[in-house]
Protein backbone atom coordinates (compact mmCIF):
# COMPACT_ATOMS: atom_id res chain seq x y z
CA MET A 1 0.00 0.00 0.00
CA ASN A 2 2.85 2.37 0.75
CA ARG A 3 4.38 1.88 -2.71
CA ALA A 4 1.01 2.57 -4.33
CA GLY A 5 0.66 5.74 -2.26
CA LEU A 6 -2.33 4.39 -0.34
CA ARG A 7 -3.07 5.02 3.31
CA ALA A 8 -5.79 3.60 5.54
CA TRP A 9 -8.29 6.21 6.70
CA ARG A 10 -10.51 5.16 9.61
CA VAL A 11 -13.53 6.93 11.06
CA GLY A 12 -14.98 4.82 13.84
CA PRO A 13 -15.94 1.41 12.44
CA PHE A 14 -15.48 2.57 8.83
CA SER A 15 -12.18 2.41 6.97
CA ARG A 16 -11.08 3.24 3.47
CA LEU A 17 -7.87 3.33 1.47
CA VAL A 18 -7.07 6.84 0.24
CA ARG A 19 -4.21 8.57 -1.55
CA PRO A 20 -3.00 11.57 0.44
CA GLY A 21 -1.51 13.10 -2.70
CA ALA A 22 -4.83 12.92 -4.55
CA MET A 23 -6.66 14.36 -1.55
CA ALA A 24 -4.15 17.23 -1.42
CA CYS A 25 -4.74 17.95 -5.13
CA VAL A 26 -8.51 18.00 -4.62
CA ALA A 27 -8.12 20.28 -1.61
CA LEU A 28 -5.94 22.64 -3.67
CA ILE A 29 -8.52 22.78 -6.48
CA VAL A 30 -11.27 23.48 -3.95
CA LEU A 31 -9.16 26.27 -2.42
CA VAL A 32 -8.59 27.85 -5.84
CA SER A 33 -12.32 27.65 -6.53
CA VAL A 34 -13.12 29.34 -3.22
CA LEU A 35 -10.62 32.12 -3.95
CA LEU A 36 -12.09 32.57 -7.43
CA LEU A 37 -15.59 32.67 -5.94
CA GLY A 38 -14.48 35.39 -3.55
CA PHE A 39 -12.92 37.31 -6.43
CA GLY A 40 -16.17 37.09 -8.36
CA LEU A 41 -18.16 38.40 -5.40
CA THR A 42 -16.00 41.50 -5.05
CA HIS A 43 -15.53 42.38 -8.73
CA GLY A 44 -18.04 43.52 -11.30
CA SER A 45 -19.69 46.68 -12.58
CA LEU A 46 -19.91 47.71 -8.90
CA PRO A 47 -16.70 46.80 -7.01
CA ILE A 48 -17.43 45.91 -3.39
CA PRO A 49 -14.75 45.50 -0.68
CA ALA A 50 -14.23 41.98 0.60
CA SER A 51 -14.53 43.15 4.22
CA ALA A 52 -18.01 44.55 3.55
CA ILE A 53 -19.09 41.31 1.88
CA GLY A 54 -17.81 39.31 4.83
CA ARG A 55 -19.90 41.39 7.22
CA ALA A 56 -22.93 41.04 4.94
CA LEU A 57 -22.61 37.25 4.84
CA LEU A 58 -22.58 37.27 8.63
CA THR A 59 -25.82 39.32 8.58
CA GLU A 60 -24.05 42.31 10.07
CA PRO A 61 -24.65 45.80 8.71
CA GLY A 62 -21.93 46.81 6.29
CA LEU A 63 -23.50 47.09 2.86
CA GLU A 64 -26.02 49.49 1.44
CA ALA A 65 -29.32 47.98 0.32
CA ASN A 66 -28.38 48.19 -3.37
CA ALA A 67 -24.95 46.63 -2.86
CA ARG A 68 -26.38 43.93 -0.61
CA TYR A 69 -28.94 43.05 -3.28
CA ILE A 70 -26.19 42.76 -5.90
CA VAL A 71 -24.08 40.48 -3.72
CA MET A 72 -26.73 38.29 -2.11
CA ASP A 73 -29.34 38.05 -4.89
CA ILE A 74 -27.28 38.34 -8.09
CA ARG A 75 -23.62 37.46 -7.69
CA LEU A 76 -23.72 34.79 -4.99
CA PRO A 77 -26.45 32.57 -6.53
CA ARG A 78 -24.83 32.98 -9.95
CA LEU A 79 -21.42 31.90 -8.69
CA LEU A 80 -22.85 28.98 -6.71
CA MET A 81 -24.86 27.90 -9.76
CA ALA A 82 -21.64 27.96 -11.81
CA VAL A 83 -19.98 25.70 -9.23
CA LEU A 84 -22.93 23.30 -9.07
CA SER A 85 -23.49 23.11 -12.83
CA GLY A 86 -19.78 22.50 -13.45
CA ALA A 87 -19.74 19.72 -10.86
CA MET A 88 -22.84 18.15 -12.40
CA LEU A 89 -21.42 18.18 -15.93
CA GLY A 90 -17.99 17.00 -14.83
CA MET A 91 -19.34 14.03 -12.89
CA ALA A 92 -21.80 13.19 -15.68
CA GLY A 93 -18.99 13.13 -18.23
CA ALA A 94 -16.79 10.93 -16.02
CA ALA A 95 -19.61 8.43 -15.51
CA MET A 96 -20.46 8.38 -19.21
CA GLN A 97 -16.83 7.78 -20.21
CA SER A 98 -16.56 4.99 -17.67
CA ILE A 99 -19.67 3.08 -18.68
CA THR A 100 -18.95 3.43 -22.41
CA ARG A 101 -15.18 2.88 -21.97
CA ASN A 102 -14.68 5.72 -24.41
CA GLY A 103 -12.72 8.87 -23.62
CA LEU A 104 -14.81 10.85 -26.13
CA ALA A 105 -18.12 10.11 -24.43
CA ASP A 106 -19.99 13.09 -23.01
CA PRO A 107 -23.71 13.76 -22.52
CA GLY A 108 -23.38 16.64 -24.96
CA LEU A 109 -21.65 14.58 -27.64
CA ILE A 110 -24.24 11.77 -27.66
CA GLY A 111 -27.18 14.12 -28.07
CA VAL A 112 -28.51 14.12 -24.50
CA LYS A 113 -27.89 17.84 -24.08
CA GLU A 114 -29.62 18.69 -27.36
CA GLY A 115 -32.56 16.44 -26.47
CA CYS A 116 -32.90 18.21 -23.12
CA SER A 117 -32.64 21.61 -24.81
CA ALA A 118 -35.29 20.76 -27.39
CA ALA A 119 -37.69 19.55 -24.68
CA VAL A 120 -37.16 22.68 -22.56
CA LEU A 121 -37.63 24.95 -25.59
CA LEU A 122 -40.87 23.12 -26.35
CA LEU A 123 -41.97 23.85 -22.78
CA ILE A 124 -40.97 27.52 -22.99
CA PHE A 125 -42.66 28.15 -26.34
CA GLN A 126 -45.75 25.97 -26.08
CA PHE A 127 -46.46 25.94 -22.32
CA PRO A 128 -45.18 29.28 -21.00
CA ALA A 129 -47.57 29.19 -18.02
CA LEU A 130 -45.78 26.21 -16.44
CA GLY A 131 -43.27 27.10 -13.72
CA LEU A 132 -39.52 26.53 -13.45
CA ALA A 133 -39.99 23.26 -11.55
CA TRP A 134 -41.33 21.63 -14.73
CA ARG A 135 -38.19 22.34 -16.75
CA PRO A 136 -36.06 19.52 -15.30
CA LEU A 137 -38.92 17.06 -15.85
CA PHE A 138 -39.28 18.02 -19.50
CA GLY A 139 -35.51 18.11 -19.90
CA MET A 140 -35.11 14.67 -18.36
CA ALA A 141 -37.78 13.24 -20.64
CA GLY A 142 -36.00 14.67 -23.68
CA GLY A 143 -32.62 13.45 -22.48
CA LEU A 144 -33.84 9.93 -21.70
CA ILE A 145 -35.58 9.61 -25.06
CA THR A 146 -32.40 10.75 -26.80
CA ALA A 147 -30.19 8.36 -24.81
CA LEU A 148 -32.50 5.41 -25.49
CA LEU A 149 -32.59 6.28 -29.19
CA VAL A 150 -28.80 6.43 -29.44
CA VAL A 151 -28.38 3.16 -27.50
CA ALA A 152 -30.96 1.42 -29.71
CA LEU A 153 -29.25 2.60 -32.90
CA ALA A 154 -25.70 1.84 -31.72
CA ARG A 155 -26.62 -1.52 -30.01
CA ASP A 156 -23.32 -1.38 -28.11
CA ILE A 157 -22.37 1.60 -25.96
CA SER A 158 -18.70 0.56 -25.76
CA ARG A 159 -18.00 0.96 -29.50
CA PRO A 160 -16.92 4.22 -31.20
CA ARG A 161 -20.03 4.29 -33.38
CA PHE A 162 -22.01 5.03 -30.21
CA ILE A 163 -20.38 8.48 -30.17
CA LEU A 164 -20.80 8.99 -33.93
CA ILE A 165 -24.50 8.08 -33.82
CA GLY A 166 -24.91 10.39 -30.84
CA ILE A 167 -23.39 13.27 -32.78
CA GLY A 168 -25.76 12.58 -35.67
CA VAL A 169 -28.78 12.53 -33.33
CA SER A 170 -27.62 15.78 -31.73
CA TRP A 171 -27.55 17.39 -35.18
CA ALA A 172 -31.11 16.22 -35.76
CA PHE A 173 -32.26 17.82 -32.51
CA SER A 174 -30.31 20.97 -33.39
CA ALA A 175 -32.30 21.14 -36.62
CA ALA A 176 -35.54 20.74 -34.65
CA MET A 177 -34.49 23.60 -32.38
CA GLY A 178 -33.73 25.66 -35.48
CA ILE A 179 -37.33 25.15 -36.60
CA PHE A 180 -38.53 26.33 -33.18
CA MET A 181 -36.36 29.42 -33.41
CA THR A 182 -37.48 30.43 -36.90
CA THR A 183 -41.19 30.08 -36.15
CA ALA A 184 -41.28 31.64 -32.67
CA ASP A 185 -41.77 35.24 -31.62
CA VAL A 186 -38.65 37.40 -31.89
CA ARG A 187 -38.65 38.24 -28.17
CA ASP A 188 -38.86 34.57 -27.26
CA VAL A 189 -36.04 33.81 -29.69
CA GLN A 190 -33.75 36.35 -28.03
CA THR A 191 -34.38 34.81 -24.63
CA ALA A 192 -33.91 31.29 -25.98
CA MET A 193 -30.67 32.19 -27.79
CA LEU A 194 -29.12 33.58 -24.62
CA TRP A 195 -30.26 30.51 -22.67
CA LEU A 196 -28.93 28.11 -25.32
CA ALA A 197 -25.54 29.83 -25.17
CA GLY A 198 -25.17 28.67 -21.57
CA SER A 199 -25.58 31.94 -19.74
CA LEU A 200 -25.77 32.08 -15.96
CA HIS A 201 -27.12 35.63 -15.84
CA ALA A 202 -30.63 34.45 -14.83
CA ALA A 203 -29.43 32.27 -11.95
CA ASN A 204 -31.30 32.79 -8.70
CA TRP A 205 -31.89 30.96 -5.44
CA THR A 206 -34.96 29.15 -6.83
CA LEU A 207 -33.05 27.70 -9.79
CA LEU A 208 -30.13 26.81 -7.52
CA GLY A 209 -32.46 24.90 -5.19
CA ILE A 210 -34.07 23.02 -8.09
CA ALA A 211 -30.69 22.04 -9.53
CA ALA A 212 -29.37 20.94 -6.12
CA ALA A 213 -32.49 18.86 -5.44
CA TRP A 214 -31.94 16.83 -8.62
CA ALA A 215 -28.14 16.75 -8.36
CA ALA A 216 -27.89 15.34 -4.82
CA PRO A 217 -29.47 11.91 -5.48
CA ALA A 218 -27.59 11.54 -8.78
CA PHE A 219 -24.27 12.34 -7.07
CA ALA A 220 -25.06 9.81 -4.34
CA LEU A 221 -26.01 7.14 -6.90
CA LEU A 222 -22.77 7.52 -8.86
CA LEU A 223 -20.59 7.47 -5.75
CA PHE A 224 -22.53 4.51 -4.30
CA THR A 225 -21.94 2.46 -7.49
CA ALA A 226 -18.30 3.56 -7.92
CA ARG A 227 -16.79 0.33 -6.58
CA ALA A 228 -19.02 -1.81 -8.79
CA ALA A 229 -18.00 0.37 -11.74
CA ASP A 230 -14.32 -0.33 -10.96
CA VAL A 231 -15.07 -4.05 -11.13
CA ALA A 232 -17.07 -3.64 -14.35
CA LEU A 233 -14.00 -2.19 -16.06
CA LEU A 234 -12.44 -5.67 -15.83
CA GLY A 235 -14.99 -6.94 -18.35
CA ASN A 236 -18.56 -8.17 -18.26
CA HIS A 237 -17.72 -11.83 -17.66
CA THR A 238 -15.28 -11.08 -14.86
CA ALA A 239 -17.63 -8.55 -13.25
CA THR A 240 -20.53 -11.01 -13.39
CA GLY A 241 -18.36 -13.69 -11.79
CA LEU A 242 -17.54 -11.26 -8.97
CA GLY A 243 -21.22 -10.63 -8.30
CA VAL A 244 -21.79 -7.37 -10.19
CA ARG A 245 -25.08 -7.12 -12.06
CA THR A 246 -23.68 -5.40 -15.13
CA SER A 247 -27.00 -4.68 -16.84
CA ARG A 248 -28.47 -2.96 -13.78
CA LEU A 249 -25.21 -1.10 -13.19
CA ALA A 250 -25.16 0.14 -16.78
CA LEU A 251 -28.76 1.34 -16.47
CA LEU A 252 -28.01 3.27 -13.27
CA ARG A 253 -24.75 4.70 -14.59
CA VAL A 254 -26.47 5.98 -17.73
CA LEU A 255 -29.55 7.27 -15.90
CA ALA A 256 -27.56 9.37 -13.41
CA PRO A 257 -25.63 11.40 -16.06
CA VAL A 258 -28.87 12.02 -17.93
CA VAL A 259 -30.46 13.37 -14.73
CA LEU A 260 -27.44 15.59 -14.03
CA THR A 261 -27.31 16.89 -17.59
CA ALA A 262 -31.04 17.51 -17.78
CA ALA A 263 -31.10 19.40 -14.49
CA CYS A 264 -28.12 21.52 -15.53
CA VAL A 265 -29.44 22.30 -19.02
CA SER A 266 -32.91 23.05 -17.67
CA CYS A 267 -31.55 25.63 -15.22
CA VAL A 268 -28.66 27.33 -17.03
CA GLY A 269 -28.84 26.24 -20.65
CA SER A 270 -26.37 24.34 -22.80
CA ILE A 271 -22.78 24.46 -21.51
CA GLY A 272 -20.70 22.15 -23.65
CA PHE A 273 -17.39 20.32 -23.33
CA VAL A 274 -17.16 20.43 -19.50
CA GLY A 275 -18.09 16.76 -19.26
CA LEU A 276 -15.43 15.98 -21.87
CA ILE A 277 -12.56 18.07 -20.49
CA ALA A 278 -12.95 17.65 -16.71
CA PRO A 279 -12.52 13.82 -16.61
CA HIS A 280 -9.37 13.99 -18.72
CA MET A 281 -7.94 16.67 -16.46
CA ALA A 282 -8.86 14.55 -13.43
CA ARG A 283 -6.98 11.56 -14.85
CA LEU A 284 -3.90 13.72 -15.32
CA VAL A 285 -3.77 15.06 -11.77
CA LEU A 286 -5.36 12.18 -9.84
CA ARG A 287 -4.81 8.46 -9.69
CA GLY A 288 -7.25 5.90 -8.43
CA GLY A 289 -10.60 4.36 -9.20
CA GLN A 290 -14.02 5.68 -9.98
CA THR A 291 -14.47 7.48 -6.67
CA ALA A 292 -11.35 9.58 -7.25
CA LEU A 293 -12.28 10.16 -10.90
CA LEU A 294 -15.83 11.24 -10.10
CA THR A 295 -14.71 13.53 -7.27
CA GLY A 296 -11.89 15.05 -9.30
CA SER A 297 -14.11 15.57 -12.33
CA ALA A 298 -16.71 17.30 -10.18
CA VAL A 299 -14.30 19.77 -8.58
CA LEU A 300 -12.47 20.45 -11.85
CA GLY A 301 -15.75 20.90 -13.71
CA ALA A 302 -16.87 23.36 -11.04
CA LEU A 303 -13.60 25.28 -11.40
CA LEU A 304 -13.89 25.33 -15.22
CA VAL A 305 -17.42 26.75 -15.29
CA LEU A 306 -16.68 29.20 -12.47
CA LEU A 307 -13.59 30.44 -14.32
CA ALA A 308 -15.44 30.65 -17.65
CA ASP A 309 -18.32 32.61 -16.13
CA THR A 310 -15.94 34.97 -14.33
CA VAL A 311 -13.97 35.64 -17.51
CA GLY A 312 -17.13 36.13 -19.56
CA ARG A 313 -18.61 38.45 -16.95
CA LEU A 314 -15.58 40.63 -16.22
CA ALA A 315 -13.23 40.57 -19.21
CA PHE A 316 -15.47 42.53 -21.58
CA LEU A 317 -17.37 44.90 -19.27
CA PRO A 318 -19.96 46.29 -19.76
CA LEU A 319 -20.64 43.40 -22.16
CA GLN A 320 -20.93 39.86 -20.82
CA LEU A 321 -20.14 36.64 -22.67
CA PRO A 322 -22.09 33.50 -21.69
CA ALA A 323 -20.02 30.87 -19.94
CA GLY A 324 -20.96 28.34 -22.63
CA ILE A 325 -19.22 30.41 -25.30
CA VAL A 326 -16.04 30.80 -23.22
CA ILE A 327 -15.95 27.04 -22.52
CA SER A 328 -16.47 26.28 -26.23
CA LEU A 329 -13.42 28.36 -27.14
CA ILE A 330 -11.37 25.88 -25.07
CA GLY A 331 -13.40 22.73 -25.67
CA GLY A 332 -13.45 22.87 -29.47
CA PRO A 333 -9.67 22.56 -29.92
CA PHE A 334 -9.53 20.04 -27.05
CA PHE A 335 -12.09 17.80 -28.77
CA LEU A 336 -10.20 18.00 -32.08
CA LEU A 337 -7.01 17.00 -30.27
CA LEU A 338 -8.73 13.95 -28.77
CA LEU A 339 -10.11 12.98 -32.17
CA TRP A 340 -6.63 13.24 -33.68
CA GLN A 341 -5.16 11.03 -30.95
CA ARG A 342 -7.85 8.42 -31.66
CA ARG A 343 -7.86 8.74 -35.45
CA ASP A 344 -6.99 5.03 -35.97
CA ARG A 345 -9.82 3.71 -33.78
CA PHE A 346 -12.80 4.75 -35.92
């Protein structure tokens, strides 16, 4: 265990093998994210001293009503939503790459994100009276239908054609969304375009609560099945011999990323490439099984979206770029690099 860098960690009757180096890396990423979150709270069109924000968070007088509204009702929920959405997409991408055994797998690349977006746009345009709580339900329905369609067409989620069929299905849903956009009212189109770009400008405490309510059980499900997923990587026959029900595990490990993606897309729109980039970054800086990969992908995804939103919000003041556009500027070349590295496998 010492040569592998593992140490026994005991809490009462529970014990677990951990890598102190990996835990230190995760702690460092979390610290950077917290510092970036603090930077985002203090900077913007109205700079606010950190000391005043600290007093406001402790419910002590220190901010004017206008400044307190900006910090507590605009900046803080937006930054927390960036952290949560990045963690959701990062963990969803890691789970999808694990179950498909394909480093190119991502809920956005197999059409789940476009299916969610099309369903939410249908809700916005055709049923505007329904509240925000209905968006994740519609998004999940669209994402599940898309995932089932891609699985049915590919017949094997571990082969590269699973990704290629997913890309084709995502194009089909993009065309359907194009029809929505060309036939809808201009004011609705402007709102939908900003939402589709992955903007966090409309984040509020209600949306944050909805996203967290759907994310928590999906996080727990993925972490609970992490050990079984490690065994499944040995192969279906070996995993079955060791007592893992591979079919049920595959169903759960596909369902959870769809839930995470649908909840994220329903609340903040389409933010691409996070689920593709974060797991690869986690593999570079962390070693270990699925638990380490899922945790690392979550914290790195949170840092990516938080950084993208901060750059888009502050770099071009008074204009703001949606976080989805900033992420795409990085993710596009990254995806092409991965395709080039795997050019002989298709």
